[in-house]
Amino acid sequence: MWLLILEALAALALLGGAVWWTMFSGRRRDEEPDDEDPPAR
């Protein structure tokens, strides 16, 4: 039984890490956006 709980906690930790990575690993708020791409039509 404890093995199932441990596995569930590991899965939640991986999910939380993936969410944290996608939310906080991008461009900083104070950085200006790149002007290399032309605007979309």
N, C-alpha and C. Protein backbone atom coordinates (compact mmCIF):
# COMPACT_ATOMS: atom_id res chain seq x y z
N MET A 1 0.82 -1.20 0.00
CA MET A 1 0.00 0.00 0.00
C MET A 1 0.87 1.27 0.00
N TRP A 2 1.93 1.24 0.82
CA TRP A 2 2.79 2.42 0.88
C TRP A 2 3.49 2.66 -0.44
N LEU A 3 3.70 1.61 -1.20
CA LEU A 3 4.35 1.77 -2.51
C LEU A 3 3.44 2.54 -3.48
N LEU A 4 2.15 2.31 -3.41
CA LEU A 4 1.21 3.06 -4.26
C LEU A 4 1.19 4.54 -3.88
N ILE A 5 1.23 4.81 -2.59
CA ILE A 5 1.24 6.20 -2.13
C ILE A 5 2.54 6.88 -2.57
N LEU A 6 3.64 6.18 -2.43
CA LEU A 6 4.92 6.73 -2.86
C LEU A 6 4.94 7.01 -4.36
N GLU A 7 4.38 6.10 -5.13
CA GLU A 7 4.33 6.29 -6.57
C GLU A 7 3.42 7.46 -6.95
N ALA A 8 2.30 7.60 -6.24
CA ALA A 8 1.39 8.72 -6.50
C ALA A 8 2.07 10.05 -6.15
N LEU A 9 2.81 10.08 -5.05
CA LEU A 9 3.52 11.31 -4.68
C LEU A 9 4.60 11.65 -5.69
N ALA A 10 5.28 10.64 -6.20
CA ALA A 10 6.30 10.88 -7.23
C ALA A 10 5.66 11.44 -8.50
N ALA A 11 4.51 10.90 -8.89
CA ALA A 11 3.82 11.39 -10.08
C ALA A 11 3.36 12.83 -9.88
N LEU A 12 2.86 13.16 -8.69
CA LEU A 12 2.44 14.53 -8.41
C LEU A 12 3.63 15.48 -8.40
N ALA A 13 4.77 15.01 -7.90
CA ALA A 13 5.97 15.85 -7.91
C ALA A 13 6.43 16.12 -9.34
N LEU A 14 6.37 15.11 -10.20
CA LEU A 14 6.75 15.32 -11.60
C LEU A 14 5.78 16.28 -12.29
N LEU A 15 4.50 16.13 -12.02
CA LEU A 15 3.51 17.02 -12.61
C LEU A 15 3.72 18.45 -12.12
N GLY A 16 3.93 18.62 -10.83
CA GLY A 16 4.18 19.95 -10.29
C GLY A 16 5.45 20.56 -10.86
N GLY A 17 6.48 19.75 -11.04
CA GLY A 17 7.71 20.26 -11.64
C GLY A 17 7.51 20.69 -13.08
N ALA A 18 6.73 19.93 -13.83
CA ALA A 18 6.47 20.29 -15.22
C ALA A 18 5.66 21.58 -15.30
N VAL A 19 4.68 21.74 -14.43
CA VAL A 19 3.88 22.97 -14.42
C VAL A 19 4.74 24.16 -14.02
N TRP A 20 5.57 23.98 -12.99
CA TRP A 20 6.45 25.07 -12.56
C TRP A 20 7.41 25.45 -13.67
N TRP A 21 7.97 24.46 -14.35
CA TRP A 21 8.94 24.72 -15.42
C TRP A 21 8.29 25.51 -16.55
N THR A 22 7.08 25.12 -16.96
CA THR A 22 6.44 25.81 -18.07
C THR A 22 5.97 27.21 -17.68
N MET A 23 5.64 27.42 -16.43
CA MET A 23 5.15 28.73 -16.01
C MET A 23 6.29 29.73 -15.80
N PHE A 24 7.41 29.27 -15.25
CA PHE A 24 8.43 30.20 -14.79
C PHE A 24 9.74 30.13 -15.54
N SER A 25 9.82 29.38 -16.64
CA SER A 25 11.11 29.30 -17.33
C SER A 25 11.15 30.15 -18.59
N GLY A 26 10.15 30.96 -18.84
CA GLY A 26 10.11 31.77 -20.06
C GLY A 26 10.83 33.09 -19.90
N ARG A 27 10.47 34.03 -20.76
CA ARG A 27 11.07 35.36 -20.74
C ARG A 27 10.66 36.10 -19.48
N ARG A 28 11.56 36.89 -18.95
CA ARG A 28 11.26 37.68 -17.75
C ARG A 28 10.31 38.80 -18.11
N ARG A 29 9.58 39.30 -17.13
CA ARG A 29 8.59 40.35 -17.40
C ARG A 29 9.23 41.67 -17.81
N ASP A 30 10.43 41.96 -17.32
CA ASP A 30 11.06 43.24 -17.64
C ASP A 30 11.81 43.22 -18.96
N GLU A 31 11.90 42.05 -19.62
CA GLU A 31 12.56 41.99 -20.91
C GLU A 31 11.61 42.46 -22.00
N GLU A 32 12.19 43.12 -23.01
CA GLU A 32 11.38 43.57 -24.12
C GLU A 32 11.23 42.44 -25.13
N PRO A 33 10.08 42.35 -25.79
CA PRO A 33 9.89 41.29 -26.79
C PRO A 33 10.78 41.51 -28.00
N ASP A 34 11.13 40.42 -28.66
CA ASP A 34 11.95 40.51 -29.86
C ASP A 34 11.12 41.06 -31.01
N ASP A 35 11.74 41.94 -31.83
CA ASP A 35 11.05 42.53 -32.96
C ASP A 35 11.47 41.87 -34.26
N GLU A 36 12.06 40.70 -34.20
CA GLU A 36 12.54 40.03 -35.41
C GLU A 36 11.40 39.47 -36.25
N ASP A 37 10.35 38.95 -35.61
CA ASP A 37 9.25 38.35 -36.35
C ASP A 37 8.29 39.43 -36.85
N PRO A 38 7.84 39.33 -38.10
CA PRO A 38 6.85 40.29 -38.58
C PRO A 38 5.49 40.03 -37.92
N PRO A 39 4.67 41.04 -37.83
CA PRO A 39 3.35 40.84 -37.19
C PRO A 39 2.48 39.88 -38.00
N ALA A 40 1.67 39.12 -37.31
CA ALA A 40 0.78 38.17 -37.98
C ALA A 40 -0.39 38.90 -38.62
N ARG A 41 -0.87 38.36 -39.73
CA ARG A 41 -1.98 39.01 -40.44
C ARG A 41 -3.30 38.43 -40.00
